[in-house]
Amino acid sequence: LEITELFMEIERNAIGLILLMGLIQVTKDKEI
């Protein structure tokens, strides 16, 4: 269970990184 949760946290954050990379490059508002 511990291995599974560690792996899933890596997977979720990898997806989040991809999403954030795309959103960062299209966002105009400096604060956002």
PDB file of all heavy atoms in Angstrom:
ATOM      1  N   LEU A   1       0.825  -1.213   0.000  1.00  0.00           N
ATOM      2  CA  LEU A   1       0.000   0.000   0.000  1.00  0.00           C
ATOM      3  C   LEU A   1       0.856   1.259   0.000  1.00  0.00           C
ATOM      4  O   LEU A   1       0.548   2.233  -0.697  1.00  0.00           O
ATOM      5  CB  LEU A   1      -0.943   0.014   1.204  1.00  0.00           C
ATOM      6  CG  LEU A   1      -2.148  -0.913   1.132  1.00  0.00           C
ATOM      7  CD1 LEU A   1      -2.875  -0.950   2.464  1.00  0.00           C
ATOM      8  CD2 LEU A   1      -3.078  -0.495   0.020  1.00  0.00           C
ATOM      9  N   GLU A   2       1.925   1.258   0.760  1.00  0.00           N
ATOM     10  CA  GLU A   2       2.811   2.426   0.822  1.00  0.00           C
ATOM     11  C   GLU A   2       3.482   2.678  -0.525  1.00  0.00           C
ATOM     12  O   GLU A   2       3.560   3.830  -0.982  1.00  0.00           O
ATOM     13  CB  GLU A   2       3.856   2.219   1.925  1.00  0.00           C
ATOM     14  CG  GLU A   2       3.259   2.230   3.316  1.00  0.00           C
ATOM     15  CD  GLU A   2       4.156   1.666   4.384  1.00  0.00           C
ATOM     16  OE1 GLU A   2       5.131   0.958   4.055  1.00  0.00           O
ATOM     17  OE2 GLU A   2       3.885   1.921   5.568  1.00  0.00           O
ATOM     18  N   ILE A   3       3.934   1.610  -1.163  1.00  0.00           N
ATOM     19  CA  ILE A   3       4.558   1.751  -2.488  1.00  0.00           C
ATOM     20  C   ILE A   3       3.542   2.286  -3.486  1.00  0.00           C
ATOM     21  O   ILE A   3       3.853   3.186  -4.277  1.00  0.00           O
ATOM     22  CB  ILE A   3       5.128   0.399  -2.960  1.00  0.00           C
ATOM     23  CG1 ILE A   3       6.311   0.000  -2.083  1.00  0.00           C
ATOM     24  CG2 ILE A   3       5.541   0.461  -4.431  1.00  0.00           C
ATOM     25  CD1 ILE A   3       6.792  -1.423  -2.293  1.00  0.00           C
ATOM     26  N   THR A   4       2.346   1.747  -3.450  1.00  0.00           N
ATOM     27  CA  THR A   4       1.292   2.188  -4.373  1.00  0.00           C
ATOM     28  C   THR A   4       0.995   3.662  -4.198  1.00  0.00           C
ATOM     29  O   THR A   4       0.895   4.413  -5.181  1.00  0.00           O
ATOM     30  CB  THR A   4       0.003   1.368  -4.143  1.00  0.00           C
ATOM     31  OG1 THR A   4       0.298  -0.008  -4.361  1.00  0.00           O
ATOM     32  CG2 THR A   4      -1.115   1.817  -5.072  1.00  0.00           C
ATOM     33  N   GLU A   5       0.861   4.114  -2.966  1.00  0.00           N
ATOM     34  CA  GLU A   5       0.544   5.523  -2.720  1.00  0.00           C
ATOM     35  C   GLU A   5       1.691   6.436  -3.140  1.00  0.00           C
ATOM     36  O   GLU A   5       1.456   7.509  -3.697  1.00  0.00           O
ATOM     37  CB  GLU A   5       0.174   5.749  -1.253  1.00  0.00           C
ATOM     38  CG  GLU A   5      -1.146   5.133  -0.846  1.00  0.00           C
ATOM     39  CD  GLU A   5      -2.342   5.673  -1.613  1.00  0.00           C
ATOM     40  OE1 GLU A   5      -2.308   6.815  -2.121  1.00  0.00           O
ATOM     41  OE2 GLU A   5      -3.345   4.944  -1.709  1.00  0.00           O
ATOM     42  N   LEU A   6       2.919   6.032  -2.892  1.00  0.00           N
ATOM     43  CA  LEU A   6       4.062   6.840  -3.337  1.00  0.00           C
ATOM     44  C   LEU A   6       4.066   6.957  -4.858  1.00  0.00           C
ATOM     45  O   LEU A   6       4.254   8.045  -5.407  1.00  0.00           O
ATOM     46  CB  LEU A   6       5.382   6.231  -2.844  1.00  0.00           C
ATOM     47  CG  LEU A   6       5.659   6.352  -1.350  1.00  0.00           C
ATOM     48  CD1 LEU A   6       6.844   5.476  -0.954  1.00  0.00           C
ATOM     49  CD2 LEU A   6       5.910   7.801  -0.964  1.00  0.00           C
ATOM     50  N   PHE A   7       3.842   5.843  -5.533  1.00  0.00           N
ATOM     51  CA  PHE A   7       3.801   5.856  -6.990  1.00  0.00           C
ATOM     52  C   PHE A   7       2.676   6.753  -7.503  1.00  0.00           C
ATOM     53  O   PHE A   7       2.863   7.556  -8.422  1.00  0.00           O
ATOM     54  CB  PHE A   7       3.629   4.431  -7.531  1.00  0.00           C
ATOM     55  CG  PHE A   7       3.458   4.386  -9.022  1.00  0.00           C
ATOM     56  CD1 PHE A   7       4.552   4.555  -9.857  1.00  0.00           C
ATOM     57  CD2 PHE A   7       2.213   4.197  -9.594  1.00  0.00           C
ATOM     58  CE1 PHE A   7       4.407   4.521 -11.234  1.00  0.00           C
ATOM     59  CE2 PHE A   7       2.056   4.173 -10.965  1.00  0.00           C
ATOM     60  CZ  PHE A   7       3.151   4.335 -11.795  1.00  0.00           C
ATOM     61  N   MET A   8       1.493   6.641  -6.892  1.00  0.00           N
ATOM     62  CA  MET A   8       0.352   7.437  -7.347  1.00  0.00           C
ATOM     63  C   MET A   8       0.576   8.929  -7.095  1.00  0.00           C
ATOM     64  O   MET A   8       0.144   9.763  -7.893  1.00  0.00           O
ATOM     65  CB  MET A   8      -0.948   6.959  -6.678  1.00  0.00           C
ATOM     66  CG  MET A   8      -1.377   5.565  -7.131  1.00  0.00           C
ATOM     67  SD  MET A   8      -1.445   5.343  -8.927  1.00  0.00           S
ATOM     68  CE  MET A   8      -2.665   6.536  -9.382  1.00  0.00           C
ATOM     69  N   GLU A   9       1.251   9.281  -6.003  1.00  0.00           N
ATOM     70  CA  GLU A   9       1.553  10.693  -5.755  1.00  0.00           C
ATOM     71  C   GLU A   9       2.503  11.232  -6.826  1.00  0.00           C
ATOM     72  O   GLU A   9       2.350  12.365  -7.283  1.00  0.00           O
ATOM     73  CB  GLU A   9       2.163  10.894  -4.362  1.00  0.00           C
ATOM     74  CG  GLU A   9       1.178  10.721  -3.223  1.00  0.00           C
ATOM     75  CD  GLU A   9      -0.034  11.624  -3.314  1.00  0.00           C
ATOM     76  OE1 GLU A   9       0.087  12.777  -3.783  1.00  0.00           O
ATOM     77  OE2 GLU A   9      -1.119  11.179  -2.921  1.00  0.00           O
ATOM     78  N   ILE A  10       3.458  10.411  -7.241  1.00  0.00           N
ATOM     79  CA  ILE A  10       4.363  10.828  -8.320  1.00  0.00           C
ATOM     80  C   ILE A  10       3.571  11.016  -9.607  1.00  0.00           C
ATOM     81  O   ILE A  10       3.741  12.014 -10.317  1.00  0.00           O
ATOM     82  CB  ILE A  10       5.501   9.797  -8.508  1.00  0.00           C
ATOM     83  CG1 ILE A  10       6.423   9.815  -7.279  1.00  0.00           C
ATOM     84  CG2 ILE A  10       6.285  10.080  -9.786  1.00  0.00           C
ATOM     85  CD1 ILE A  10       7.412   8.674  -7.233  1.00  0.00           C
ATOM     86  N   GLU A  11       2.699  10.079  -9.923  1.00  0.00           N
ATOM     87  CA  GLU A  11       1.895  10.158 -11.145  1.00  0.00           C
ATOM     88  C   GLU A  11       1.003  11.406 -11.145  1.00  0.00           C
ATOM     89  O   GLU A  11       0.940  12.130 -12.137  1.00  0.00           O
ATOM     90  CB  GLU A  11       1.008   8.916 -11.289  1.00  0.00           C
ATOM     91  CG  GLU A  11       1.769   7.672 -11.652  1.00  0.00           C
ATOM     92  CD  GLU A  11       2.270   7.685 -13.076  1.00  0.00           C
ATOM     93  OE1 GLU A  11       1.449   7.663 -14.009  1.00  0.00           O
ATOM     94  OE2 GLU A  11       3.495   7.728 -13.253  1.00  0.00           O
ATOM     95  N   ARG A  12       0.303  11.641 -10.034  1.00  0.00           N
ATOM     96  CA  ARG A  12      -0.592  12.808  -9.960  1.00  0.00           C
ATOM     97  C   ARG A  12       0.180  14.111 -10.133  1.00  0.00           C
ATOM     98  O   ARG A  12      -0.268  15.026 -10.816  1.00  0.00           O
ATOM     99  CB  ARG A  12      -1.354  12.807  -8.629  1.00  0.00           C
ATOM    100  CG  ARG A  12      -2.546  11.880  -8.597  1.00  0.00           C
ATOM    101  CD  ARG A  12      -3.377  12.063  -7.347  1.00  0.00           C
ATOM    102  NE  ARG A  12      -2.807  11.420  -6.181  1.00  0.00           N
ATOM    103  CZ  ARG A  12      -3.040  10.151  -5.832  1.00  0.00           C
ATOM    104  NH1 ARG A  12      -3.809   9.395  -6.564  1.00  0.00           N
ATOM    105  NH2 ARG A  12      -2.502   9.647  -4.753  1.00  0.00           N
ATOM    106  N   ASN A  13       1.334  14.185  -9.495  1.00  0.00           N
ATOM    107  CA  ASN A  13       2.127  15.407  -9.609  1.00  0.00           C
ATOM    108  C   ASN A  13       2.742  15.561 -10.993  1.00  0.00           C
ATOM    109  O   ASN A  13       2.923  16.686 -11.466  1.00  0.00           O
ATOM    110  CB  ASN A  13       3.198  15.456  -8.514  1.00  0.00           C
ATOM    111  CG  ASN A  13       2.610  15.925  -7.208  1.00  0.00           C
ATOM    112  OD1 ASN A  13       2.345  17.106  -7.030  1.00  0.00           O
ATOM    113  ND2 ASN A  13       2.357  14.994  -6.292  1.00  0.00           N
ATOM    114  N   ALA A  14       3.057  14.474 -11.654  1.00  0.00           N
ATOM    115  CA  ALA A  14       3.568  14.556 -13.029  1.00  0.00           C
ATOM    116  C   ALA A  14       2.489  15.120 -13.950  1.00  0.00           C
ATOM    117  O   ALA A  14       2.769  15.981 -14.793  1.00  0.00           O
ATOM    118  CB  ALA A  14       4.018  13.179 -13.503  1.00  0.00           C
ATOM    119  N   ILE A  15       1.263  14.669 -13.778  1.00  0.00           N
ATOM    120  CA  ILE A  15       0.148  15.210 -14.567  1.00  0.00           C
ATOM    121  C   ILE A  15      -0.040  16.686 -14.241  1.00  0.00           C
ATOM    122  O   ILE A  15      -0.242  17.517 -15.126  1.00  0.00           O
ATOM    123  CB  ILE A  15      -1.142  14.404 -14.307  1.00  0.00           C
ATOM    124  CG1 ILE A  15      -0.987  12.986 -14.870  1.00  0.00           C
ATOM    125  CG2 ILE A  15      -2.360  15.103 -14.916  1.00  0.00           C
ATOM    126  CD1 ILE A  15      -2.058  12.016 -14.410  1.00  0.00           C
ATOM    127  N   GLY A  16       0.049  17.034 -12.956  1.00  0.00           N
ATOM    128  CA  GLY A  16      -0.060  18.436 -12.545  1.00  0.00           C
ATOM    129  C   GLY A  16       1.031  19.301 -13.148  1.00  0.00           C
ATOM    130  O   GLY A  16       0.785  20.439 -13.555  1.00  0.00           O
ATOM    131  N   LEU A  17       2.250  18.761 -13.227  1.00  0.00           N
ATOM    132  CA  LEU A  17       3.356  19.511 -13.836  1.00  0.00           C
ATOM    133  C   LEU A  17       3.072  19.809 -15.302  1.00  0.00           C
ATOM    134  O   LEU A  17       3.311  20.923 -15.771  1.00  0.00           O
ATOM    135  CB  LEU A  17       4.657  18.716 -13.720  1.00  0.00           C
ATOM    136  CG  LEU A  17       5.397  18.822 -12.408  1.00  0.00           C
ATOM    137  CD1 LEU A  17       6.513  17.791 -12.323  1.00  0.00           C
ATOM    138  CD2 LEU A  17       5.952  20.216 -12.227  1.00  0.00           C
ATOM    139  N   ILE A  18       2.574  18.827 -16.010  1.00  0.00           N
ATOM    140  CA  ILE A  18       2.256  19.019 -17.425  1.00  0.00           C
ATOM    141  C   ILE A  18       1.175  20.085 -17.586  1.00  0.00           C
ATOM    142  O   ILE A  18       1.284  20.982 -18.422  1.00  0.00           O
ATOM    143  CB  ILE A  18       1.839  17.680 -18.073  1.00  0.00           C
ATOM    144  CG1 ILE A  18       3.034  16.728 -18.087  1.00  0.00           C
ATOM    145  CG2 ILE A  18       1.291  17.898 -19.473  1.00  0.00           C
ATOM    146  CD1 ILE A  18       2.676  15.281 -18.335  1.00  0.00           C
ATOM    147  N   LEU A  19       0.140  20.001 -16.753  1.00  0.00           N
ATOM    148  CA  LEU A  19      -0.931  20.997 -16.788  1.00  0.00           C
ATOM    149  C   LEU A  19      -0.381  22.387 -16.481  1.00  0.00           C
ATOM    150  O   LEU A  19      -0.652  23.352 -17.207  1.00  0.00           O
ATOM    151  CB  LEU A  19      -2.035  20.630 -15.790  1.00  0.00           C
ATOM    152  CG  LEU A  19      -3.162  21.644 -15.623  1.00  0.00           C
ATOM    153  CD1 LEU A  19      -3.959  21.781 -16.912  1.00  0.00           C
ATOM    154  CD2 LEU A  19      -4.069  21.241 -14.462  1.00  0.00           C
ATOM    155  N   LEU A  20       0.414  22.497 -15.432  1.00  0.00           N
ATOM    156  CA  LEU A  20       0.963  23.793 -15.043  1.00  0.00           C
ATOM    157  C   LEU A  20       1.891  24.369 -16.108  1.00  0.00           C
ATOM    158  O   LEU A  20       1.864  25.574 -16.364  1.00  0.00           O
ATOM    159  CB  LEU A  20       1.691  23.681 -13.703  1.00  0.00           C
ATOM    160  CG  LEU A  20       0.785  23.574 -12.481  1.00  0.00           C
ATOM    161  CD1 LEU A  20       1.557  23.085 -11.272  1.00  0.00           C
ATOM    162  CD2 LEU A  20       0.107  24.894 -12.192  1.00  0.00           C
ATOM    163  N   MET A  21       2.674  23.523 -16.744  1.00  0.00           N
ATOM    164  CA  MET A  21       3.570  24.015 -17.800  1.00  0.00           C
ATOM    165  C   MET A  21       2.767  24.668 -18.919  1.00  0.00           C
ATOM    166  O   MET A  21       3.132  25.739 -19.412  1.00  0.00           O
ATOM    167  CB  MET A  21       4.411  22.858 -18.358  1.00  0.00           C
ATOM    168  CG  MET A  21       5.501  22.395 -17.425  1.00  0.00           C
ATOM    169  SD  MET A  21       6.286  20.836 -17.917  1.00  0.00           S
ATOM    170  CE  MET A  21       6.851  21.203 -19.555  1.00  0.00           C
ATOM    171  N   GLY A  22       1.674  24.026 -19.308  1.00  0.00           N
ATOM    172  CA  GLY A  22       0.832  24.596 -20.350  1.00  0.00           C
ATOM    173  C   GLY A  22       0.152  25.875 -19.909  1.00  0.00           C
ATOM    174  O   GLY A  22       0.077  26.846 -20.672  1.00  0.00           O
ATOM    175  N   LEU A  23      -0.337  25.901 -18.676  1.00  0.00           N
ATOM    176  CA  LEU A  23      -1.046  27.090 -18.185  1.00  0.00           C
ATOM    177  C   LEU A  23      -0.096  28.268 -17.969  1.00  0.00           C
ATOM    178  O   LEU A  23      -0.474  29.419 -18.206  1.00  0.00           O
ATOM    179  CB  LEU A  23      -1.798  26.761 -16.888  1.00  0.00           C
ATOM    180  CG  LEU A  23      -2.929  25.739 -17.020  1.00  0.00           C
ATOM    181  CD1 LEU A  23      -3.518  25.426 -15.651  1.00  0.00           C
ATOM    182  CD2 LEU A  23      -3.996  26.219 -17.984  1.00  0.00           C
ATOM    183  N   ILE A  24       1.114  27.990 -17.535  1.00  0.00           N
ATOM    184  CA  ILE A  24       2.090  29.068 -17.300  1.00  0.00           C
ATOM    185  C   ILE A  24       2.381  29.818 -18.595  1.00  0.00           C
ATOM    186  O   ILE A  24       2.454  31.045 -18.606  1.00  0.00           O
ATOM    187  CB  ILE A  24       3.388  28.502 -16.672  1.00  0.00           C
ATOM    188  CG1 ILE A  24       3.133  28.105 -15.218  1.00  0.00           C
ATOM    189  CG2 ILE A  24       4.541  29.491 -16.772  1.00  0.00           C
ATOM    190  CD1 ILE A  24       4.214  27.234 -14.596  1.00  0.00           C
ATOM    191  N   GLN A  25       2.523  29.098 -19.678  1.00  0.00           N
ATOM    192  CA  GLN A  25       2.906  29.764 -20.923  1.00  0.00           C
ATOM    193  C   GLN A  25       1.766  30.538 -21.573  1.00  0.00           C
ATOM    194  O   GLN A  25       2.017  31.369 -22.437  1.00  0.00           O
ATOM    195  CB  GLN A  25       3.520  28.773 -21.906  1.00  0.00           C
ATOM    196  CG  GLN A  25       2.568  27.832 -22.566  1.00  0.00           C
ATOM    197  CD  GLN A  25       3.291  26.807 -23.430  1.00  0.00           C
ATOM    198  OE1 GLN A  25       4.447  26.467 -23.173  1.00  0.00           O
ATOM    199  NE2 GLN A  25       2.618  26.314 -24.435  1.00  0.00           N
ATOM    200  N   VAL A  26       0.513  30.315 -21.147  1.00  0.00           N
ATOM    201  CA  VAL A  26      -0.594  31.061 -21.757  1.00  0.00           C
ATOM    202  C   VAL A  26      -1.145  32.153 -20.836  1.00  0.00           C
ATOM    203  O   VAL A  26      -1.976  32.945 -21.252  1.00  0.00           O
ATOM    204  CB  VAL A  26      -1.752  30.115 -22.184  1.00  0.00           C
ATOM    205  CG1 VAL A  26      -1.265  29.117 -23.211  1.00  0.00           C
ATOM    206  CG2 VAL A  26      -2.388  29.428 -20.995  1.00  0.00           C
ATOM    207  N   THR A  27      -0.683  32.195 -19.599  1.00  0.00           N
ATOM    208  CA  THR A  27      -1.205  33.167 -18.639  1.00  0.00           C
ATOM    209  C   THR A  27      -0.509  34.512 -18.811  1.00  0.00           C
ATOM    210  O   THR A  27       0.715  34.592 -18.856  1.00  0.00           O
ATOM    211  CB  THR A  27      -1.000  32.650 -17.197  1.00  0.00           C
ATOM    212  OG1 THR A  27      -1.671  31.393 -17.072  1.00  0.00           O
ATOM    213  CG2 THR A  27      -1.555  33.611 -16.178  1.00  0.00           C
ATOM    214  N   LYS A  28      -1.307  35.543 -18.899  1.00  0.00           N
ATOM    215  CA  LYS A  28      -0.766  36.907 -19.088  1.00  0.00           C
ATOM    216  C   LYS A  28      -0.599  37.641 -17.752  1.00  0.00           C
ATOM    217  O   LYS A  28       0.320  38.422 -17.586  1.00  0.00           O
ATOM    218  CB  LYS A  28      -1.698  37.725 -19.998  1.00  0.00           C
ATOM    219  CG  LYS A  28      -1.995  37.068 -21.331  1.00  0.00           C
ATOM    220  CD  LYS A  28      -0.790  37.056 -22.238  1.00  0.00           C
ATOM    221  CE  LYS A  28      -1.154  36.506 -23.601  1.00  0.00           C
ATOM    222  NZ  LYS A  28      -0.422  35.331 -23.968  1.00  0.00           N
ATOM    223  N   ASP A  29      -1.506  37.401 -16.810  1.00  0.00           N
ATOM    224  CA  ASP A  29      -1.490  38.064 -15.499  1.00  0.00           C
ATOM    225  C   ASP A  29      -0.243  37.619 -14.727  1.00  0.00           C
ATOM    226  O   ASP A  29      -0.067  36.432 -14.436  1.00  0.00           O
ATOM    227  CB  ASP A  29      -2.764  37.704 -14.735  1.00  0.00           C
ATOM    228  CG  ASP A  29      -2.910  38.406 -13.404  1.00  0.00           C
ATOM    229  OD1 ASP A  29      -1.920  38.485 -12.643  1.00  0.00           O
ATOM    230  OD2 ASP A  29      -4.028  38.856 -13.101  1.00  0.00           O
ATOM    231  N   LYS A  30       0.643  38.576 -14.392  1.00  0.00           N
ATOM    232  CA  LYS A  30       1.913  38.265 -13.716  1.00  0.00           C
ATOM    233  C   LYS A  30       1.701  37.590 -12.359  1.00  0.00           C
ATOM    234  O   LYS A  30       2.423  36.664 -12.002  1.00  0.00           O
ATOM    235  CB  LYS A  30       2.735  39.545 -13.516  1.00  0.00           C
ATOM    236  CG  LYS A  30       3.213  40.159 -14.800  1.00  0.00           C
ATOM    237  CD  LYS A  30       4.637  39.794 -15.029  1.00  0.00           C
ATOM    238  CE  LYS A  30       5.174  40.607 -16.188  1.00  0.00           C
ATOM    239  NZ  LYS A  30       5.891  39.807 -17.121  1.00  0.00           N
ATOM    240  N   GLU A  31       0.715  38.065 -11.608  1.00  0.00           N
ATOM    241  CA  GLU A  31       0.465  37.507 -10.281  1.00  0.00           C
ATOM    242  C   GLU A  31       0.009  36.045 -10.390  1.00  0.00           C
ATOM    243  O   GLU A  31       0.461  35.188  -9.629  1.00  0.00           O
ATOM    244  CB  GLU A  31      -0.585  38.352  -9.553  1.00  0.00           C
ATOM    245  CG  GLU A  31      -0.618  38.120  -8.067  1.00  0.00           C
ATOM    246  CD  GLU A  31      -1.539  39.088  -7.341  1.00  0.00           C
ATOM    247  OE1 GLU A  31      -2.282  39.865  -7.990  1.00  0.00           O
ATOM    248  OE2 GLU A  31      -1.513  39.058  -6.103  1.00  0.00           O
ATOM    249  N   ILE A  32      -0.868  35.766 -11.342  1.00  0.00           N
ATOM    250  CA  ILE A  32      -1.325  34.387 -11.539  1.00  0.00           C
ATOM    251  C   ILE A  32      -0.186  33.524 -12.055  1.00  0.00           C
ATOM    252  O   ILE A  32       0.002  32.382 -11.615  1.00  0.00           O
ATOM    253  CB  ILE A  32      -2.542  34.342 -12.490  1.00  0.00           C
ATOM    254  CG1 ILE A  32      -3.743  35.039 -11.841  1.00  0.00           C
ATOM    255  CG2 ILE A  32      -2.891  32.905 -12.863  1.00  0.00           C
ATOM    256  CD1 ILE A  32      -4.956  35.178 -12.744  1.00  0.00           C
TER     257      ILE A  32
END
